[in-house]
Amino acid sequence: SGLSGSSGAVMVAWLAERFPQRIFIVIAATPAEAERWLADLTILTD
């Protein structure tokens, strides 16, 4: 925790690229925050 802005999404996208055998789960506090994570990740990773 404690990562500001989209830095958390950058971290998850990088980890997903680096470790293709793993599944990553992001648990957001609110639906709006979850939608923001999804939007960021959609831009950052394929």
All heavy atoms as atom14 arrays in JSON, in Angstrom:
{
  "sequence": "SGLSGSSGAVMVAWLAERFPQRIFIVIAATPAEAERWLADLTILTD",
  "atom14_mask": [
    [1, 1, 1, 1, 1, 1, 0, 0, 0, 0, 0, 0, 0, 0],
    [1, 1, 1, 1, 0, 0, 0, 0, 0, 0, 0, 0, 0, 0],
    [1, 1, 1, 1, 1, 1, 1, 1, 0, 0, 0, 0, 0, 0],
    [1, 1, 1, 1, 1, 1, 0, 0, 0, 0, 0, 0, 0, 0],
    [1, 1, 1, 1, 0, 0, 0, 0, 0, 0, 0, 0, 0, 0],
    [1, 1, 1, 1, 1, 1, 0, 0, 0, 0, 0, 0, 0, 0],
    [1, 1, 1, 1, 1, 1, 0, 0, 0, 0, 0, 0, 0, 0],
    [1, 1, 1, 1, 0, 0, 0, 0, 0, 0, 0, 0, 0, 0],
    [1, 1, 1, 1, 1, 0, 0, 0, 0, 0, 0, 0, 0, 0],
    [1, 1, 1, 1, 1, 1, 1, 0, 0, 0, 0, 0, 0, 0],
    [1, 1, 1, 1, 1, 1, 1, 1, 0, 0, 0, 0, 0, 0],
    [1, 1, 1, 1, 1, 1, 1, 0, 0, 0, 0, 0, 0, 0],
    [1, 1, 1, 1, 1, 0, 0, 0, 0, 0, 0, 0, 0, 0],
    [1, 1, 1, 1, 1, 1, 1, 1, 1, 1, 1, 1, 1, 1],
    [1, 1, 1, 1, 1, 1, 1, 1, 0, 0, 0, 0, 0, 0],
    [1, 1, 1, 1, 1, 0, 0, 0, 0, 0, 0, 0, 0, 0],
    [1, 1, 1, 1, 1, 1, 1, 1, 1, 0, 0, 0, 0, 0],
    [1, 1, 1, 1, 1, 1, 1, 1, 1, 1, 1, 0, 0, 0],
    [1, 1, 1, 1, 1, 1, 1, 1, 1, 1, 1, 0, 0, 0],
    [1, 1, 1, 1, 1, 1, 1, 0, 0, 0, 0, 0, 0, 0],
    [1, 1, 1, 1, 1, 1, 1, 1, 1, 0, 0, 0, 0, 0],
    [1, 1, 1, 1, 1, 1, 1, 1, 1, 1, 1, 0, 0, 0],
    [1, 1, 1, 1, 1, 1, 1, 1, 0, 0, 0, 0, 0, 0],
    [1, 1, 1, 1, 1, 1, 1, 1, 1, 1, 1, 0, 0, 0],
    [1, 1, 1, 1, 1, 1, 1, 1, 0, 0, 0, 0, 0, 0],
    [1, 1, 1, 1, 1, 1, 1, 0, 0, 0, 0, 0, 0, 0],
    [1, 1, 1, 1, 1, 1, 1, 1, 0, 0, 0, 0, 0, 0],
    [1, 1, 1, 1, 1, 0, 0, 0, 0, 0, 0, 0, 0, 0],
    [1, 1, 1, 1, 1, 0, 0, 0, 0, 0, 0, 0, 0, 0],
    [1, 1, 1, 1, 1, 1, 1, 0, 0, 0, 0, 0, 0, 0],
    [1, 1, 1, 1, 1, 1, 1, 0, 0, 0, 0, 0, 0, 0],
    [1, 1, 1, 1, 1, 0, 0, 0, 0, 0, 0, 0, 0, 0],
    [1, 1, 1, 1, 1, 1, 1, 1, 1, 0, 0, 0, 0, 0],
    [1, 1, 1, 1, 1, 0, 0, 0, 0, 0, 0, 0, 0, 0],
    [1, 1, 1, 1, 1, 1, 1, 1, 1, 0, 0, 0, 0, 0],
    [1, 1, 1, 1, 1, 1, 1, 1, 1, 1, 1, 0, 0, 0],
    [1, 1, 1, 1, 1, 1, 1, 1, 1, 1, 1, 1, 1, 1],
    [1, 1, 1, 1, 1, 1, 1, 1, 0, 0, 0, 0, 0, 0],
    [1, 1, 1, 1, 1, 0, 0, 0, 0, 0, 0, 0, 0, 0],
    [1, 1, 1, 1, 1, 1, 1, 1, 0, 0, 0, 0, 0, 0],
    [1, 1, 1, 1, 1, 1, 1, 1, 0, 0, 0, 0, 0, 0],
    [1, 1, 1, 1, 1, 1, 1, 0, 0, 0, 0, 0, 0, 0],
    [1, 1, 1, 1, 1, 1, 1, 1, 0, 0, 0, 0, 0, 0],
    [1, 1, 1, 1, 1, 1, 1, 1, 0, 0, 0, 0, 0, 0],
    [1, 1, 1, 1, 1, 1, 1, 0, 0, 0, 0, 0, 0, 0],
    [1, 1, 1, 1, 1, 1, 1, 1, 0, 0, 0, 0, 0, 0]
  ],
  "atom14_positions": [
    [[0.86, -1.18, 0.0], [0.0, 0.0, 0.0], [0.89, 1.23, 0.0], [2.1, 1.13, 0.13], [-0.94, -0.01, 1.21], [-0.17, 0.04, 2.4], [0.0, 0.0, 0.0], [0.0, 0.0, 0.0], [0.0, 0.0, 0.0], [0.0, 0.0, 0.0], [0.0, 0.0, 0.0], [0.0, 0.0, 0.0], [0.0, 0.0, 0.0], [0.0, 0.0, 0.0]],
    [[0.26, 2.38, -0.14], [0.99, 3.63, -0.06], [1.53, 4.13, -1.39], [2.2, 5.15, -1.43], [0.0, 0.0, 0.0], [0.0, 0.0, 0.0], [0.0, 0.0, 0.0], [0.0, 0.0, 0.0], [0.0, 0.0, 0.0], [0.0, 0.0, 0.0], [0.0, 0.0, 0.0], [0.0, 0.0, 0.0], [0.0, 0.0, 0.0], [0.0, 0.0, 0.0]],
    [[1.25, 3.43, -2.48], [1.7, 3.9, -3.79], [0.7, 4.93, -4.3], [-0.5, 4.69, -4.3], [1.8, 2.72, -4.76], [2.82, 1.65, -4.37], [2.66, 0.43, -5.26], [4.22, 2.2, -4.46], [0.0, 0.0, 0.0], [0.0, 0.0, 0.0], [0.0, 0.0, 0.0], [0.0, 0.0, 0.0], [0.0, 0.0, 0.0], [0.0, 0.0, 0.0]],
    [[1.19, 6.06, -4.73], [0.28, 7.15, -5.12], [-0.04, 7.1, -6.62], [0.71, 6.56, -7.42], [0.9, 8.5, -4.77], [2.11, 8.67, -5.48], [0.0, 0.0, 0.0], [0.0, 0.0, 0.0], [0.0, 0.0, 0.0], [0.0, 0.0, 0.0], [0.0, 0.0, 0.0], [0.0, 0.0, 0.0], [0.0, 0.0, 0.0], [0.0, 0.0, 0.0]],
    [[-1.19, 7.68, -6.94], [-1.62, 7.8, -8.34], [-1.68, 6.45, -9.04], [-2.2, 5.48, -8.51], [0.0, 0.0, 0.0], [0.0, 0.0, 0.0], [0.0, 0.0, 0.0], [0.0, 0.0, 0.0], [0.0, 0.0, 0.0], [0.0, 0.0, 0.0], [0.0, 0.0, 0.0], [0.0, 0.0, 0.0], [0.0, 0.0, 0.0], [0.0, 0.0, 0.0]],
    [[-1.1, 6.42, -10.23], [-1.11, 5.2, -11.04], [0.12, 4.33, -10.82], [0.32, 3.35, -11.54], [-1.21, 5.57, -12.52], [-2.43, 6.21, -12.78], [0.0, 0.0, 0.0], [0.0, 0.0, 0.0], [0.0, 0.0, 0.0], [0.0, 0.0, 0.0], [0.0, 0.0, 0.0], [0.0, 0.0, 0.0], [0.0, 0.0, 0.0], [0.0, 0.0, 0.0]],
    [[0.95, 4.67, -9.83], [2.17, 3.9, -9.63], [1.88, 2.45, -9.25], [2.62, 1.54, -9.6], [3.07, 4.56, -8.59], [2.42, 4.67, -7.35], [0.0, 0.0, 0.0], [0.0, 0.0, 0.0], [0.0, 0.0, 0.0], [0.0, 0.0, 0.0], [0.0, 0.0, 0.0], [0.0, 0.0, 0.0], [0.0, 0.0, 0.0], [0.0, 0.0, 0.0]],
    [[0.78, 2.21, -8.54], [0.4, 0.84, -8.21], [0.08, 0.03, -9.46], [0.46, -1.14, -9.59], [0.0, 0.0, 0.0], [0.0, 0.0, 0.0], [0.0, 0.0, 0.0], [0.0, 0.0, 0.0], [0.0, 0.0, 0.0], [0.0, 0.0, 0.0], [0.0, 0.0, 0.0], [0.0, 0.0, 0.0], [0.0, 0.0, 0.0], [0.0, 0.0, 0.0]],
    [[-0.62, 0.65, -10.4], [-0.96, -0.02, -11.65], [0.3, -0.3, -12.47], [0.4, -1.34, -13.12], [-1.96, 0.82, -12.45], [0.0, 0.0, 0.0], [0.0, 0.0, 0.0], [0.0, 0.0, 0.0], [0.0, 0.0, 0.0], [0.0, 0.0, 0.0], [0.0, 0.0, 0.0], [0.0, 0.0, 0.0], [0.0, 0.0, 0.0], [0.0, 0.0, 0.0]],
    [[1.26, 0.62, -12.44], [2.53, 0.39, -13.13], [3.22, -0.82, -12.54], [3.72, -1.69, -13.26], [3.44, 1.64, -13.05], [4.85, 1.34, -13.54], [2.84, 2.79, -13.83], [0.0, 0.0, 0.0], [0.0, 0.0, 0.0], [0.0, 0.0, 0.0], [0.0, 0.0, 0.0], [0.0, 0.0, 0.0], [0.0, 0.0, 0.0], [0.0, 0.0, 0.0]],
    [[3.22, -0.91, -11.22], [3.86, -2.03, -10.55], [3.19, -3.36, -10.93], [3.86, -4.33, -11.28], [3.8, -1.85, -9.03], [4.38, -3.01, -8.26], [3.97, -2.94, -6.5], [2.2, -3.18, -6.54], [0.0, 0.0, 0.0], [0.0, 0.0, 0.0], [0.0, 0.0, 0.0], [0.0, 0.0, 0.0], [0.0, 0.0, 0.0], [0.0, 0.0, 0.0]],
    [[1.87, -3.42, -10.89], [1.15, -4.65, -11.23], [1.37, -5.02, -12.69], [1.61, -6.19, -13.02], [-0.36, -4.52, -10.9], [-1.14, -5.7, -11.44], [-0.57, -4.37, -9.4], [0.0, 0.0, 0.0], [0.0, 0.0, 0.0], [0.0, 0.0, 0.0], [0.0, 0.0, 0.0], [0.0, 0.0, 0.0], [0.0, 0.0, 0.0], [0.0, 0.0, 0.0]],
    [[1.32, -4.04, -13.59], [1.56, -4.32, -15.01], [2.96, -4.87, -15.23], [3.16, -5.83, -15.99], [1.34, -3.04, -15.84], [0.0, 0.0, 0.0], [0.0, 0.0, 0.0], [0.0, 0.0, 0.0], [0.0, 0.0, 0.0], [0.0, 0.0, 0.0], [0.0, 0.0, 0.0], [0.0, 0.0, 0.0], [0.0, 0.0, 0.0], [0.0, 0.0, 0.0]],
    [[3.95, -4.28, -14.57], [5.33, -4.75, -14.7], [5.47, -6.17, -14.17], [6.11, -7.01, -14.79], [6.27, -3.78, -13.96], [7.7, -4.19, -14.04], [8.55, -4.01, -15.1], [8.47, -4.84, -13.02], [9.79, -4.51, -14.8], [9.76, -5.03, -13.53], [8.17, -5.27, -11.74], [10.77, -5.63, -12.8], [9.17, -5.87, -11.0], [10.45, -6.05, -11.53]],
    [[4.88, -6.45, -13.01], [4.95, -7.79, -12.44], [4.27, -8.83, -13.35], [4.78, -9.93, -13.52], [4.31, -7.82, -11.05], [5.11, -7.16, -9.93], [4.26, -7.02, -8.68], [6.39, -7.94, -9.64], [0.0, 0.0, 0.0], [0.0, 0.0, 0.0], [0.0, 0.0, 0.0], [0.0, 0.0, 0.0], [0.0, 0.0, 0.0], [0.0, 0.0, 0.0]],
    [[3.14, -8.46, -13.92], [2.42, -9.39, -14.81], [3.24, -9.7, -16.05], [3.22, -10.83, -16.55], [1.06, -8.82, -15.17], [0.0, 0.0, 0.0], [0.0, 0.0, 0.0], [0.0, 0.0, 0.0], [0.0, 0.0, 0.0], [0.0, 0.0, 0.0], [0.0, 0.0, 0.0], [0.0, 0.0, 0.0], [0.0, 0.0, 0.0], [0.0, 0.0, 0.0]],
    [[3.97, -8.7, -16.56], [4.84, -8.92, -17.72], [6.03, -9.8, -17.34], [6.45, -10.66, -18.09], [5.34, -7.58, -18.27], [4.26, -6.67, -18.8], [3.69, -7.11, -20.13], [4.41, -7.78, -20.9], [2.52, -6.78, -20.38], [0.0, 0.0, 0.0], [0.0, 0.0, 0.0], [0.0, 0.0, 0.0], [0.0, 0.0, 0.0], [0.0, 0.0, 0.0]],
    [[6.57, -9.57, -16.18], [7.78, -10.27, -15.74], [7.51, -11.7, -15.28], [8.37, -12.57, -15.41], [8.45, -9.48, -14.61], [9.74, -10.1, -14.15], [10.5, -9.17, -13.26], [11.62, -9.87, -12.69], [12.88, -9.56, -12.93], [13.17, -8.57, -13.72], [13.84, -10.24, -12.36], [0.0, 0.0, 0.0], [0.0, 0.0, 0.0], [0.0, 0.0, 0.0]],
    [[6.33, -11.95, -14.73], [5.99, -13.27, -14.2], [4.73, -13.8, -14.9], [3.63, -13.79, -14.33], [5.77, -13.2, -12.68], [7.0, -12.79, -11.93], [7.18, -11.48, -11.54], [7.98, -13.73, -11.63], [8.32, -11.09, -10.85], [9.12, -13.35, -10.94], [9.3, -12.03, -10.55], [0.0, 0.0, 0.0], [0.0, 0.0, 0.0], [0.0, 0.0, 0.0]],
    [[4.87, -14.3, -16.11], [3.7, -14.72, -16.9], [2.96, -15.93, -16.33], [1.83, -16.2, -16.72], [4.29, -15.03, -18.28], [5.72, -15.3, -18.04], [6.12, -14.47, -16.85], [0.0, 0.0, 0.0], [0.0, 0.0, 0.0], [0.0, 0.0, 0.0], [0.0, 0.0, 0.0], [0.0, 0.0, 0.0], [0.0, 0.0, 0.0], [0.0, 0.0, 0.0]],
    [[3.56, -16.65, -15.41], [2.91, -17.83, -14.84], [1.99, -17.47, -13.67], [1.28, -18.32, -13.16], [3.96, -18.86, -14.4], [4.73, -18.49, -13.15], [5.86, -17.48, -13.35], [6.0, -16.85, -14.39], [6.67, -17.3, -12.31], [0.0, 0.0, 0.0], [0.0, 0.0, 0.0], [0.0, 0.0, 0.0], [0.0, 0.0, 0.0], [0.0, 0.0, 0.0]],
    [[1.99, -16.23, -13.23], [1.23, -15.82, -12.05], [-0.03, -15.05, -12.42], [-0.1, -14.41, -13.46], [2.07, -14.95, -11.13], [3.2, -15.72, -10.48], [3.86, -14.87, -9.44], [4.92, -15.6, -8.78], [5.18, -15.51, -7.51], [4.47, -14.71, -6.74], [6.17, -16.19, -6.97], [0.0, 0.0, 0.0], [0.0, 0.0, 0.0], [0.0, 0.0, 0.0]],
    [[-0.99, -15.11, -11.51], [-2.2, -14.29, -11.61], [-2.1, -13.23, -10.52], [-1.74, -13.54, -9.38], [-3.47, -15.13, -11.41], [-3.59, -16.16, -12.54], [-4.7, -14.25, -11.34], [-4.7, -17.16, -12.33], [0.0, 0.0, 0.0], [0.0, 0.0, 0.0], [0.0, 0.0, 0.0], [0.0, 0.0, 0.0], [0.0, 0.0, 0.0], [0.0, 0.0, 0.0]],
    [[-2.42, -12.0, -10.85], [-2.34, -10.9, -9.9], [-3.75, -10.39, -9.61], [-4.55, -10.23, -10.52], [-1.46, -9.77, -10.45], [-0.03, -10.2, -10.58], [0.42, -10.8, -11.75], [0.85, -10.06, -9.53], [1.73, -11.23, -11.87], [2.15, -10.49, -9.64], [2.6, -11.07, -10.81], [0.0, 0.0, 0.0], [0.0, 0.0, 0.0], [0.0, 0.0, 0.0]],
    [[-4.02, -10.15, -8.32], [-5.33, -9.67, -7.9], [-5.15, -8.33, -7.22], [-4.34, -8.19, -6.3], [-6.0, -10.66, -6.93], [-6.15, -12.03, -7.61], [-7.36, -10.13, -6.47], [-6.6, -13.12, -6.68], [0.0, 0.0, 0.0], [0.0, 0.0, 0.0], [0.0, 0.0, 0.0], [0.0, 0.0, 0.0], [0.0, 0.0, 0.0], [0.0, 0.0, 0.0]],
    [[-5.91, -7.35, -7.69], [-5.91, -6.01, -7.09], [-7.24, -5.86, -6.37], [-8.3, -6.01, -6.98], [-5.77, -4.92, -8.18], [-5.92, -3.54, -7.56], [-4.46, -5.06, -8.92], [0.0, 0.0, 0.0], [0.0, 0.0, 0.0], [0.0, 0.0, 0.0], [0.0, 0.0, 0.0], [0.0, 0.0, 0.0], [0.0, 0.0, 0.0], [0.0, 0.0, 0.0]],
    [[-7.18, -5.59, -5.08], [-8.39, -5.39, -4.28], [-8.48, -3.92, -3.92], [-7.69, -3.41, -3.13], [-8.39, -6.28, -3.03], [-8.28, -7.75, -3.44], [-9.66, -6.03, -2.21], [-8.16, -8.71, -2.3], [0.0, 0.0, 0.0], [0.0, 0.0, 0.0], [0.0, 0.0, 0.0], [0.0, 0.0, 0.0], [0.0, 0.0, 0.0], [0.0, 0.0, 0.0]],
    [[-9.44, -3.26, -4.53], [-9.65, -1.82, -4.3], [-10.67, -1.6, -3.2], [-11.49, -2.48, -2.9], [-10.13, -1.17, -5.6], [0.0, 0.0, 0.0], [0.0, 0.0, 0.0], [0.0, 0.0, 0.0], [0.0, 0.0, 0.0], [0.0, 0.0, 0.0], [0.0, 0.0, 0.0], [0.0, 0.0, 0.0], [0.0, 0.0, 0.0], [0.0, 0.0, 0.0]],
    [[-10.63, -0.44, -2.6], [-11.54, -0.12, -1.5], [-12.96, 0.15, -1.99], [-13.93, -0.2, -1.31], [-11.02, 1.08, -0.73], [0.0, 0.0, 0.0], [0.0, 0.0, 0.0], [0.0, 0.0, 0.0], [0.0, 0.0, 0.0], [0.0, 0.0, 0.0], [0.0, 0.0, 0.0], [0.0, 0.0, 0.0], [0.0, 0.0, 0.0], [0.0, 0.0, 0.0]],
    [[-13.1, 0.77, -3.15], [-14.41, 1.17, -3.65], [-14.57, 0.77, -5.12], [-13.57, 0.57, -5.82], [-14.6, 2.69, -3.56], [-13.66, 3.32, -4.45], [-14.4, 3.2, -2.14], [0.0, 0.0, 0.0], [0.0, 0.0, 0.0], [0.0, 0.0, 0.0], [0.0, 0.0, 0.0], [0.0, 0.0, 0.0], [0.0, 0.0, 0.0], [0.0, 0.0, 0.0]],
    [[-15.81, 0.71, -5.62], [-16.01, 0.44, -7.05], [-15.34, 1.5, -7.95], [-14.77, 1.15, -8.99], [-17.53, 0.46, -7.21], [-18.05, 0.07, -5.88], [-17.08, 0.69, -4.89], [0.0, 0.0, 0.0], [0.0, 0.0, 0.0], [0.0, 0.0, 0.0], [0.0, 0.0, 0.0], [0.0, 0.0, 0.0], [0.0, 0.0, 0.0], [0.0, 0.0, 0.0]],
    [[-15.38, 2.74, -7.55], [-14.74, 3.79, -8.36], [-13.23, 3.58, -8.43], [-12.62, 3.75, -9.5], [-15.06, 5.17, -7.78], [0.0, 0.0, 0.0], [0.0, 0.0, 0.0], [0.0, 0.0, 0.0], [0.0, 0.0, 0.0], [0.0, 0.0, 0.0], [0.0, 0.0, 0.0], [0.0, 0.0, 0.0], [0.0, 0.0, 0.0], [0.0, 0.0, 0.0]],
    [[-12.64, 3.2, -7.32], [-11.2, 2.93, -7.31], [-10.87, 1.7, -8.17], [-9.87, 1.68, -8.9], [-10.71, 2.72, -5.88], [-9.22, 2.6, -5.75], [-8.76, 2.4, -4.32], [-9.45, 2.81, -3.38], [-7.68, 1.79, -4.15], [0.0, 0.0, 0.0], [0.0, 0.0, 0.0], [0.0, 0.0, 0.0], [0.0, 0.0, 0.0], [0.0, 0.0, 0.0]],
    [[-11.72, 0.69, -8.13], [-11.51, -0.5, -8.96], [-11.59, -0.14, -10.44], [-10.79, -0.62, -11.26], [-12.54, -1.57, -8.62], [0.0, 0.0, 0.0], [0.0, 0.0, 0.0], [0.0, 0.0, 0.0], [0.0, 0.0, 0.0], [0.0, 0.0, 0.0], [0.0, 0.0, 0.0], [0.0, 0.0, 0.0], [0.0, 0.0, 0.0], [0.0, 0.0, 0.0]],
    [[-12.52, 0.7, -10.8], [-12.64, 1.15, -12.2], [-11.4, 1.93, -12.63], [-10.93, 1.8, -13.76], [-13.89, 2.02, -12.38], [-15.19, 1.27, -12.26], [-15.54, 0.41, -13.47], [-14.86, 0.52, -14.51], [-16.49, -0.37, -13.35], [0.0, 0.0, 0.0], [0.0, 0.0, 0.0], [0.0, 0.0, 0.0], [0.0, 0.0, 0.0], [0.0, 0.0, 0.0]],
    [[-10.84, 2.75, -11.72], [-9.62, 3.49, -12.03], [-8.46, 2.53, -12.27], [-7.7, 2.68, -13.22], [-9.27, 4.47, -10.91], [-8.02, 5.31, -11.21], [-7.53, 6.09, -10.01], [-7.21, 5.29, -8.85], [-6.06, 4.6, -8.7], [-5.14, 4.59, -9.64], [-5.84, 3.91, -7.59], [0.0, 0.0, 0.0], [0.0, 0.0, 0.0], [0.0, 0.0, 0.0]],
    [[-8.33, 1.52, -11.4], [-7.28, 0.51, -11.58], [-7.43, -0.17, -12.94], [-6.45, -0.36, -13.66], [-7.37, -0.54, -10.48], [-6.6, -0.21, -9.24], [-7.06, 0.45, -8.13], [-5.24, -0.53, -8.96], [-6.07, 0.54, -7.2], [-4.94, -0.06, -7.67], [-4.25, -1.2, -9.69], [-3.69, -0.22, -7.09], [-3.0, -1.36, -9.1], [-2.73, -0.87, -7.82]],
    [[-8.65, -0.56, -13.28], [-8.89, -1.24, -14.54], [-8.52, -0.36, -15.72], [-7.86, -0.82, -16.66], [-10.36, -1.68, -14.63], [-10.73, -2.49, -15.87], [-10.03, -3.83, -15.87], [-12.24, -2.67, -15.95], [0.0, 0.0, 0.0], [0.0, 0.0, 0.0], [0.0, 0.0, 0.0], [0.0, 0.0, 0.0], [0.0, 0.0, 0.0], [0.0, 0.0, 0.0]],
    [[-8.91, 0.9, -15.67], [-8.57, 1.84, -16.75], [-7.06, 2.0, -16.88], [-6.51, 1.95, -18.0], [-9.24, 3.19, -16.5], [0.0, 0.0, 0.0], [0.0, 0.0, 0.0], [0.0, 0.0, 0.0], [0.0, 0.0, 0.0], [0.0, 0.0, 0.0], [0.0, 0.0, 0.0], [0.0, 0.0, 0.0], [0.0, 0.0, 0.0], [0.0, 0.0, 0.0]],
    [[-6.37, 2.17, -15.77], [-4.91, 2.32, -15.81], [-4.24, 1.06, -16.36], [-3.35, 1.13, -17.21], [-4.35, 2.61, -14.41], [-4.67, 4.01, -13.92], [-5.14, 4.85, -14.72], [-4.44, 4.27, -12.72], [0.0, 0.0, 0.0], [0.0, 0.0, 0.0], [0.0, 0.0, 0.0], [0.0, 0.0, 0.0], [0.0, 0.0, 0.0], [0.0, 0.0, 0.0]],
    [[-4.66, -0.1, -15.88], [-4.04, -1.35, -16.32], [-4.3, -1.63, -17.8], [-3.44, -2.18, -18.49], [-4.52, -2.51, -15.45], [-3.93, -2.53, -14.05], [-4.74, -3.45, -13.14], [-2.47, -2.94, -14.09], [0.0, 0.0, 0.0], [0.0, 0.0, 0.0], [0.0, 0.0, 0.0], [0.0, 0.0, 0.0], [0.0, 0.0, 0.0], [0.0, 0.0, 0.0]],
    [[-5.46, -1.25, -18.28], [-5.78, -1.44, -19.69], [-4.83, -0.66, -20.59], [-4.46, -1.11, -21.67], [-7.24, -1.04, -19.96], [-8.1, -1.84, -19.15], [-7.62, -1.23, -21.41], [0.0, 0.0, 0.0], [0.0, 0.0, 0.0], [0.0, 0.0, 0.0], [0.0, 0.0, 0.0], [0.0, 0.0, 0.0], [0.0, 0.0, 0.0], [0.0, 0.0, 0.0]],
    [[-4.39, 0.49, -20.12], [-3.45, 1.32, -20.89], [-2.02, 0.79, -20.73], [-1.24, 0.81, -21.68], [-3.53, 2.79, -20.42], [-4.88, 3.38, -20.84], [-2.38, 3.62, -20.99], [-5.17, 4.73, -20.24], [0.0, 0.0, 0.0], [0.0, 0.0, 0.0], [0.0, 0.0, 0.0], [0.0, 0.0, 0.0], [0.0, 0.0, 0.0], [0.0, 0.0, 0.0]],
    [[-1.69, 0.29, -19.56], [-0.31, -0.07, -19.25], [0.12, -1.46, -19.74], [1.31, -1.71, -19.9], [-0.07, 0.01, -17.74], [-0.06, 1.41, -17.16], [-0.2, 1.37, -15.65], [1.22, 2.13, -17.57], [0.0, 0.0, 0.0], [0.0, 0.0, 0.0], [0.0, 0.0, 0.0], [0.0, 0.0, 0.0], [0.0, 0.0, 0.0], [0.0, 0.0, 0.0]],
    [[-0.83, -2.37, -19.95], [-0.44, -3.74, -20.29], [-1.41, -4.37, -21.28], [-2.58, -4.0, -21.33], [-0.32, -4.62, -19.02], [0.16, -5.9, -19.4], [-1.64, -4.75, -18.3], [0.0, 0.0, 0.0], [0.0, 0.0, 0.0], [0.0, 0.0, 0.0], [0.0, 0.0, 0.0], [0.0, 0.0, 0.0], [0.0, 0.0, 0.0], [0.0, 0.0, 0.0]],
    [[-0.88, -5.32, -22.02], [-1.71, -6.12, -22.93], [-2.17, -7.41, -22.27], [-2.85, -8.22, -22.9], [-0.91, -6.46, -24.2], [-0.59, -5.23, -25.02], [-1.37, -4.26, -24.96], [0.44, -5.24, -25.71], [0.0, 0.0, 0.0], [0.0, 0.0, 0.0], [0.0, 0.0, 0.0], [0.0, 0.0, 0.0], [0.0, 0.0, 0.0], [0.0, 0.0, 0.0]]
  ]
}
